[in-house]
Amino acid sequence: ENKRNVTEFILHGLTQDKTVAKVCFSLFLLFYAAIVLGNLLIIITIKTSGQLNSPMYFFLGYLSFLDISYSTVTAPKLIYDLLVEKKTISFVGCIAQLFAGHFVGCTEIFLLTVMAYDRCIAICKPLRYTNIVNKHVCGWLVAASWVGGFVHSMVQTLLTIQLPFCGPNEIDHYFCDVHPLLKLACTDTYIVGVTVAANSGVISLSCFVVLVVSYAVILVSLRTRSSEGRLKALYTCTSHITVVVLFFGPCIFIYMRPSTTFAADKMVSVFYTIITPMLNPLIYTLRNREVKNAMKKLWSRKVKQSEQ
């Protein structure tokens, strides 16, 4: 009965200052456009290029799709709310946003871990690489990432939705997430908070450990390589390491702790929901010669077609 008392939530948003809100509106609209266009360009380049057919680019295409999806969960609502006085979201819409955010975000964490495994096999066992990480295995690894993200999100959502919400209904955030919602529940949420933190923490920590181990194995294996081979291998890994640090750092700060909220949470959330998805295309294109060459060929092809 108590659950039905709250039919909508009021979001405090990113800022209450109208002047700052207008500036943020322009910035985030530009950022979101860059996210969609940049990641779409990578997806189209990989799909149309005959050169980018290795497992690394197969996973990169899915990473770009997840970046678009992840930012779309929060960015459009954030941009819209920057122009309105009262920022509301229905109870159903709030739970849907929570589910979608954790589903896509956790899937991306698993995919980044899979990409580290892919680089580890490619560098440590180059002769057996195509046999170990074949198309069939790639498909299963991506599917497993989606399933893992779905299971994690279902746990977080079910733990939250069964709580009674009888008021207040103001969320001190710009989107619906677990920790801000737990603060509004009309019951003791200690056990739920610990379970939520454990669920997110185990996934983040285990994936982070796998990532660290993968790159430790890579570094050890590089000791026997020539200087040129060592630099080439490190060059291909640097982009992925940068993305991992940018994504995992804020996520660990937000989710690997008890059910508490801090003043910095909003800005940290902006970083991993908007800034990182926007930077990923730049990181992978600026440091990857093959992707840049494929994009140049795609552009040349489009120019020739337009001239005909």
Protein backbone atom coordinates (compact mmCIF):
# COMPACT_ATOMS: atom_id res chain seq x y z
CA GLU A 1 0.00 0.00 0.00
CA ASN A 2 2.81 2.39 0.92
CA LYS A 3 4.45 1.88 -2.46
CA ARG A 4 1.48 3.51 -4.19
CA ASN A 5 1.69 6.70 -2.15
CA VAL A 6 4.49 8.00 -4.38
CA THR A 7 3.52 8.10 -8.05
CA GLU A 8 6.29 10.42 -9.17
CA PHE A 9 9.64 11.77 -8.02
CA ILE A 10 10.99 15.32 -8.19
CA LEU A 11 14.60 15.52 -9.36
CA HIS A 12 16.78 18.32 -8.02
CA GLY A 13 18.75 18.20 -11.26
CA LEU A 14 22.31 19.25 -11.86
CA THR A 15 21.92 22.88 -10.77
CA GLN A 16 19.28 25.28 -9.45
CA ASP A 17 20.95 28.34 -11.00
CA LYS A 18 19.05 29.30 -14.18
CA THR A 19 22.05 30.97 -15.82
CA VAL A 20 24.27 27.98 -15.16
CA ALA A 21 21.46 25.69 -16.34
CA LYS A 22 21.31 27.45 -19.73
CA VAL A 23 25.08 27.11 -20.18
CA CYS A 24 24.90 23.44 -19.17
CA PHE A 25 22.03 22.89 -21.60
CA SER A 26 24.16 24.05 -24.53
CA LEU A 27 27.19 22.07 -23.36
CA PHE A 28 25.39 18.80 -22.70
CA LEU A 29 23.40 19.04 -25.92
CA LEU A 30 26.72 19.38 -27.74
CA PHE A 31 28.23 16.54 -25.70
CA TYR A 32 25.31 14.21 -26.42
CA ALA A 33 25.45 14.96 -30.14
CA ALA A 34 29.20 14.21 -30.05
CA ILE A 35 28.53 10.91 -28.24
CA VAL A 36 25.96 9.73 -30.78
CA LEU A 37 27.81 10.91 -33.90
CA GLY A 38 31.28 9.84 -32.72
CA ASN A 39 30.25 6.35 -31.67
CA LEU A 40 28.02 5.88 -34.73
CA LEU A 41 31.01 6.78 -36.91
CA ILE A 42 33.06 4.04 -35.24
CA ILE A 43 30.26 1.49 -35.68
CA ILE A 44 29.77 2.37 -39.36
CA THR A 45 33.53 2.36 -40.00
CA ILE A 46 33.94 -1.10 -38.47
CA LYS A 47 30.91 -2.50 -40.29
CA THR A 48 31.92 -1.17 -43.72
CA SER A 49 35.69 -1.69 -43.54
CA GLY A 50 37.17 -4.99 -44.68
CA GLN A 51 40.36 -4.31 -42.73
CA LEU A 52 38.78 -3.97 -39.27
CA ASN A 53 37.66 -7.58 -38.96
CA SER A 54 39.67 -8.73 -35.94
CA PRO A 55 37.94 -9.55 -32.60
CA MET A 56 39.27 -6.30 -31.11
CA TYR A 57 37.17 -4.24 -33.53
CA PHE A 58 34.20 -6.58 -33.12
CA PHE A 59 34.22 -5.73 -29.40
CA LEU A 60 34.92 -2.05 -30.09
CA GLY A 61 31.77 -1.83 -32.22
CA TYR A 62 29.70 -3.18 -29.33
CA LEU A 63 31.44 -0.82 -26.91
CA SER A 64 30.43 2.14 -29.07
CA PHE A 65 26.84 0.88 -29.16
CA LEU A 66 26.85 0.58 -25.36
CA ASP A 67 28.27 4.10 -25.00
CA ILE A 68 25.39 5.51 -27.05
CA SER A 69 22.86 3.46 -25.07
CA TYR A 70 24.34 4.34 -21.69
CA SER A 71 24.38 8.08 -22.27
CA THR A 72 20.86 7.93 -23.77
CA VAL A 73 19.53 6.55 -20.47
CA THR A 74 20.34 9.83 -18.68
CA ALA A 75 21.45 12.59 -21.09
CA PRO A 76 18.15 13.43 -22.89
CA LYS A 77 16.28 13.72 -19.57
CA LEU A 78 19.10 15.80 -18.07
CA ILE A 79 19.15 18.14 -21.08
CA TYR A 80 15.37 18.59 -21.00
CA ASP A 81 15.29 19.19 -17.23
CA LEU A 82 17.86 21.98 -17.53
CA LEU A 83 15.16 24.10 -19.23
CA VAL A 84 12.17 23.33 -17.00
CA GLU A 85 11.30 24.61 -13.54
CA LYS A 86 9.86 21.40 -12.10
CA LYS A 87 11.85 18.28 -12.91
CA THR A 88 9.62 15.25 -12.42
CA ILE A 89 9.76 11.59 -13.36
CA SER A 90 7.06 8.97 -12.79
CA PHE A 91 7.67 6.08 -10.40
CA VAL A 92 7.60 3.62 -13.32
CA GLY A 93 9.90 5.86 -15.38
CA CYS A 94 12.30 6.15 -12.45
CA ILE A 95 12.52 2.37 -11.98
CA ALA A 96 12.91 1.92 -15.75
CA GLN A 97 15.78 4.41 -15.81
CA LEU A 98 17.45 2.66 -12.87
CA PHE A 99 17.12 -0.73 -14.57
CA ALA A 100 18.37 0.50 -17.97
CA GLY A 101 21.32 2.37 -16.46
CA HIS A 102 22.58 -0.61 -14.48
CA PHE A 103 21.85 -3.03 -17.34
CA VAL A 104 23.87 -1.13 -19.93
CA GLY A 105 26.53 0.08 -17.48
CA CYS A 106 27.25 -3.38 -16.08
CA THR A 107 27.27 -4.88 -19.59
CA GLU A 108 29.93 -2.31 -20.52
CA ILE A 109 32.01 -3.30 -17.48
CA PHE A 110 31.91 -6.95 -18.57
CA LEU A 111 32.70 -6.01 -22.16
CA LEU A 112 35.75 -3.96 -21.12
CA THR A 113 36.92 -7.02 -19.16
CA VAL A 114 36.40 -9.21 -22.23
CA MET A 115 38.43 -6.73 -24.31
CA ALA A 116 41.31 -7.00 -21.81
CA TYR A 117 41.19 -10.80 -22.15
CA ASP A 118 41.22 -10.40 -25.94
CA ARG A 119 44.36 -8.19 -25.80
CA CYS A 120 46.03 -10.63 -23.39
CA ILE A 121 45.53 -13.58 -25.77
CA ALA A 122 46.51 -11.52 -28.83
CA ILE A 123 49.82 -10.45 -27.28
CA CYS A 124 50.74 -13.51 -25.22
CA LYS A 125 49.61 -16.20 -27.70
CA PRO A 126 49.66 -14.54 -31.15
CA LEU A 127 49.99 -17.83 -33.09
CA ARG A 128 46.90 -19.35 -31.46
CA TYR A 129 44.93 -16.09 -31.21
CA THR A 130 42.55 -16.67 -34.13
CA ASN A 131 41.78 -20.19 -32.91
CA ILE A 132 41.17 -19.19 -29.28
CA VAL A 133 39.21 -15.98 -29.94
CA ASN A 134 37.22 -16.98 -33.02
CA LYS A 135 33.86 -15.56 -34.16
CA HIS A 136 31.93 -18.18 -32.18
CA VAL A 137 33.79 -17.33 -28.97
CA CYS A 138 33.39 -13.59 -29.61
CA GLY A 139 29.63 -14.02 -29.93
CA TRP A 140 29.42 -15.99 -26.70
CA LEU A 141 31.57 -13.46 -24.80
CA VAL A 142 29.34 -10.56 -25.91
CA ALA A 143 26.19 -12.55 -25.06
CA ALA A 144 27.61 -13.40 -21.63
CA SER A 145 28.28 -9.68 -21.05
CA TRP A 146 24.64 -8.85 -21.83
CA VAL A 147 23.35 -11.66 -19.59
CA GLY A 148 25.65 -10.59 -16.74
CA GLY A 149 24.45 -7.00 -17.05
CA PHE A 150 20.80 -8.12 -17.07
CA VAL A 151 21.18 -10.29 -13.95
CA HIS A 152 22.97 -7.49 -12.07
CA SER A 153 20.34 -4.94 -13.08
CA MET A 154 17.46 -7.23 -12.10
CA VAL A 155 18.94 -7.70 -8.63
CA GLN A 156 19.40 -3.94 -8.12
CA THR A 157 15.91 -3.16 -9.44
CA LEU A 158 14.08 -5.86 -7.45
CA LEU A 159 15.84 -4.83 -4.25
CA THR A 160 14.72 -1.22 -4.82
CA ILE A 161 11.19 -1.73 -6.11
CA GLN A 162 10.08 -3.82 -3.13
CA LEU A 163 10.80 -0.93 -0.74
CA PRO A 164 7.91 1.25 0.51
CA PHE A 165 8.00 4.85 -0.80
CA CYS A 166 5.51 6.98 1.13
CA GLY A 167 7.28 10.35 0.97
CA PRO A 168 9.26 12.55 0.63
CA ASN A 169 9.70 12.15 -3.11
CA GLU A 170 12.57 14.54 -3.90
CA ILE A 171 15.71 12.95 -5.35
CA ASP A 172 18.92 14.95 -4.93
CA HIS A 173 20.27 13.87 -8.31
CA TYR A 174 19.65 14.35 -12.03
CA PHE A 175 18.60 10.74 -12.64
CA CYS A 176 17.22 7.78 -10.70
CA ASP A 177 19.85 5.61 -9.08
CA VAL A 178 19.91 3.13 -6.21
CA HIS A 179 21.58 5.16 -3.45
CA PRO A 180 19.40 8.31 -3.80
CA LEU A 181 16.25 6.13 -3.86
CA LEU A 182 17.26 4.18 -0.77
CA LYS A 183 17.38 7.49 1.14
CA LEU A 184 13.66 8.03 0.35
CA ALA A 185 12.40 4.62 1.44
CA CYS A 186 10.10 4.59 4.48
CA THR A 187 11.93 1.74 6.16
CA ASP A 188 15.35 0.70 7.37
CA THR A 189 17.45 0.11 4.24
CA TYR A 190 20.67 -1.03 5.90
CA ILE A 191 20.43 -4.66 4.71
CA VAL A 192 19.30 -3.63 1.23
CA GLY A 193 22.08 -1.05 1.05
CA VAL A 194 24.73 -3.59 2.01
CA THR A 195 23.33 -6.08 -0.54
CA VAL A 196 23.29 -3.43 -3.28
CA ALA A 197 26.86 -2.37 -2.47
CA ALA A 198 27.99 -6.00 -2.36
CA ASN A 199 26.34 -6.74 -5.71
CA SER A 200 27.96 -3.77 -7.43
CA GLY A 201 31.18 -4.11 -5.47
CA VAL A 202 31.77 -7.78 -6.26
CA ILE A 203 31.24 -7.19 -9.97
CA SER A 204 33.39 -4.04 -10.12
CA LEU A 205 36.16 -5.50 -7.98
CA SER A 206 36.27 -8.90 -9.70
CA CYS A 207 36.32 -7.33 -13.16
CA PHE A 208 38.98 -4.87 -12.05
CA VAL A 209 41.11 -7.73 -10.71
CA VAL A 210 40.75 -9.59 -14.03
CA LEU A 211 41.81 -6.43 -15.84
CA VAL A 212 44.86 -5.91 -13.63
CA VAL A 213 45.88 -9.58 -13.95
CA SER A 214 45.45 -9.46 -17.74
CA TYR A 215 47.72 -6.46 -18.11
CA ALA A 216 50.22 -7.86 -15.59
CA VAL A 217 50.47 -11.00 -17.73
CA ILE A 218 50.91 -8.80 -20.82
CA LEU A 219 53.72 -6.81 -19.19
CA VAL A 220 55.51 -9.98 -18.09
CA SER A 221 55.25 -11.49 -21.58
CA LEU A 222 56.65 -8.32 -23.16
CA ARG A 223 59.98 -8.74 -21.40
CA THR A 224 61.03 -11.28 -24.04
CA ARG A 225 60.00 -9.09 -26.98
CA SER A 226 62.15 -6.68 -28.94
CA SER A 227 61.85 -2.97 -28.21
CA GLU A 228 59.80 -2.44 -31.38
CA GLY A 229 57.45 -5.32 -30.56
CA ARG A 230 57.11 -4.10 -26.98
CA LEU A 231 56.17 -0.58 -28.07
CA LYS A 232 53.67 -1.84 -30.65
CA ALA A 233 51.95 -4.08 -28.08
CA LEU A 234 51.81 -1.32 -25.48
CA TYR A 235 50.48 1.11 -28.07
CA THR A 236 47.49 -1.15 -28.80
CA CYS A 237 46.74 -1.55 -25.07
CA THR A 238 47.05 2.10 -24.05
CA SER A 239 43.67 3.12 -25.47
CA HIS A 240 41.86 0.34 -23.65
CA ILE A 241 43.66 1.07 -20.37
CA THR A 242 42.68 4.75 -20.64
CA VAL A 243 39.01 3.88 -21.20
CA VAL A 244 39.07 1.40 -18.30
CA VAL A 245 40.51 3.99 -15.89
CA LEU A 246 38.02 6.68 -17.00
CA PHE A 247 35.04 4.33 -16.62
CA PHE A 248 36.00 2.17 -13.64
CA GLY A 249 37.34 5.00 -11.45
CA PRO A 250 34.04 6.92 -11.09
CA CYS A 251 31.97 3.70 -10.96
CA ILE A 252 34.05 2.31 -8.10
CA PHE A 253 33.75 5.65 -6.26
CA ILE A 254 29.94 5.65 -6.58
CA TYR A 255 29.01 2.01 -6.10
CA MET A 256 31.72 0.34 -3.99
CA ARG A 257 30.59 1.91 -0.72
CA PRO A 258 27.65 1.68 1.70
CA SER A 259 24.35 3.38 0.90
CA THR A 260 25.49 6.97 1.33
CA THR A 261 25.47 10.00 -0.95
CA PHE A 262 28.07 12.75 -1.28
CA ALA A 263 27.96 16.24 -2.75
CA ALA A 264 30.42 15.18 -5.46
CA ASP A 265 28.23 12.30 -6.68
CA LYS A 266 26.49 14.38 -9.35
CA MET A 267 29.70 15.54 -11.00
CA VAL A 268 31.26 12.07 -10.78
CA SER A 269 28.10 10.64 -12.38
CA VAL A 270 28.32 13.19 -15.20
CA PHE A 271 31.83 11.95 -15.86
CA TYR A 272 30.97 8.28 -16.38
CA THR A 273 27.53 8.76 -18.00
CA ILE A 274 28.45 11.54 -20.46
CA ILE A 275 32.11 12.55 -20.52
CA THR A 276 33.60 9.04 -20.85
CA PRO A 277 31.22 7.92 -23.66
CA MET A 278 32.11 11.15 -25.47
CA LEU A 279 35.87 10.64 -25.06
CA ASN A 280 35.93 6.94 -26.05
CA PRO A 281 35.67 7.55 -29.84
CA LEU A 282 38.48 10.12 -29.61
CA ILE A 283 40.67 7.80 -27.54
CA TYR A 284 40.27 4.88 -29.93
CA THR A 285 40.60 6.89 -33.16
CA LEU A 286 43.46 9.22 -32.20
CA ARG A 287 45.62 6.32 -30.99
CA ASN A 288 44.66 3.74 -33.62
CA ARG A 289 46.17 4.07 -37.08
CA GLU A 290 43.98 1.34 -38.60
CA VAL A 291 40.75 3.01 -37.48
CA LYS A 292 41.93 6.41 -38.77
CA ASN A 293 42.86 4.93 -42.16
CA ALA A 294 39.52 3.13 -42.39
CA MET A 295 37.68 6.39 -41.60
CA LYS A 296 39.67 8.22 -44.28
CA LYS A 297 38.73 5.56 -46.83
CA LEU A 298 35.08 5.74 -45.77
CA TRP A 299 35.14 9.53 -46.15
CA SER A 300 36.82 9.32 -49.56
CA ARG A 301 34.22 6.80 -50.69
CA LYS A 302 31.36 9.06 -49.57
CA VAL A 303 32.93 12.07 -51.34
CA LYS A 304 33.30 10.11 -54.61
CA GLN A 305 29.69 8.91 -54.39
CA SER A 306 28.44 12.48 -53.82
CA GLU A 307 30.43 13.72 -56.86
CA GLN A 308 28.99 11.09 -59.20
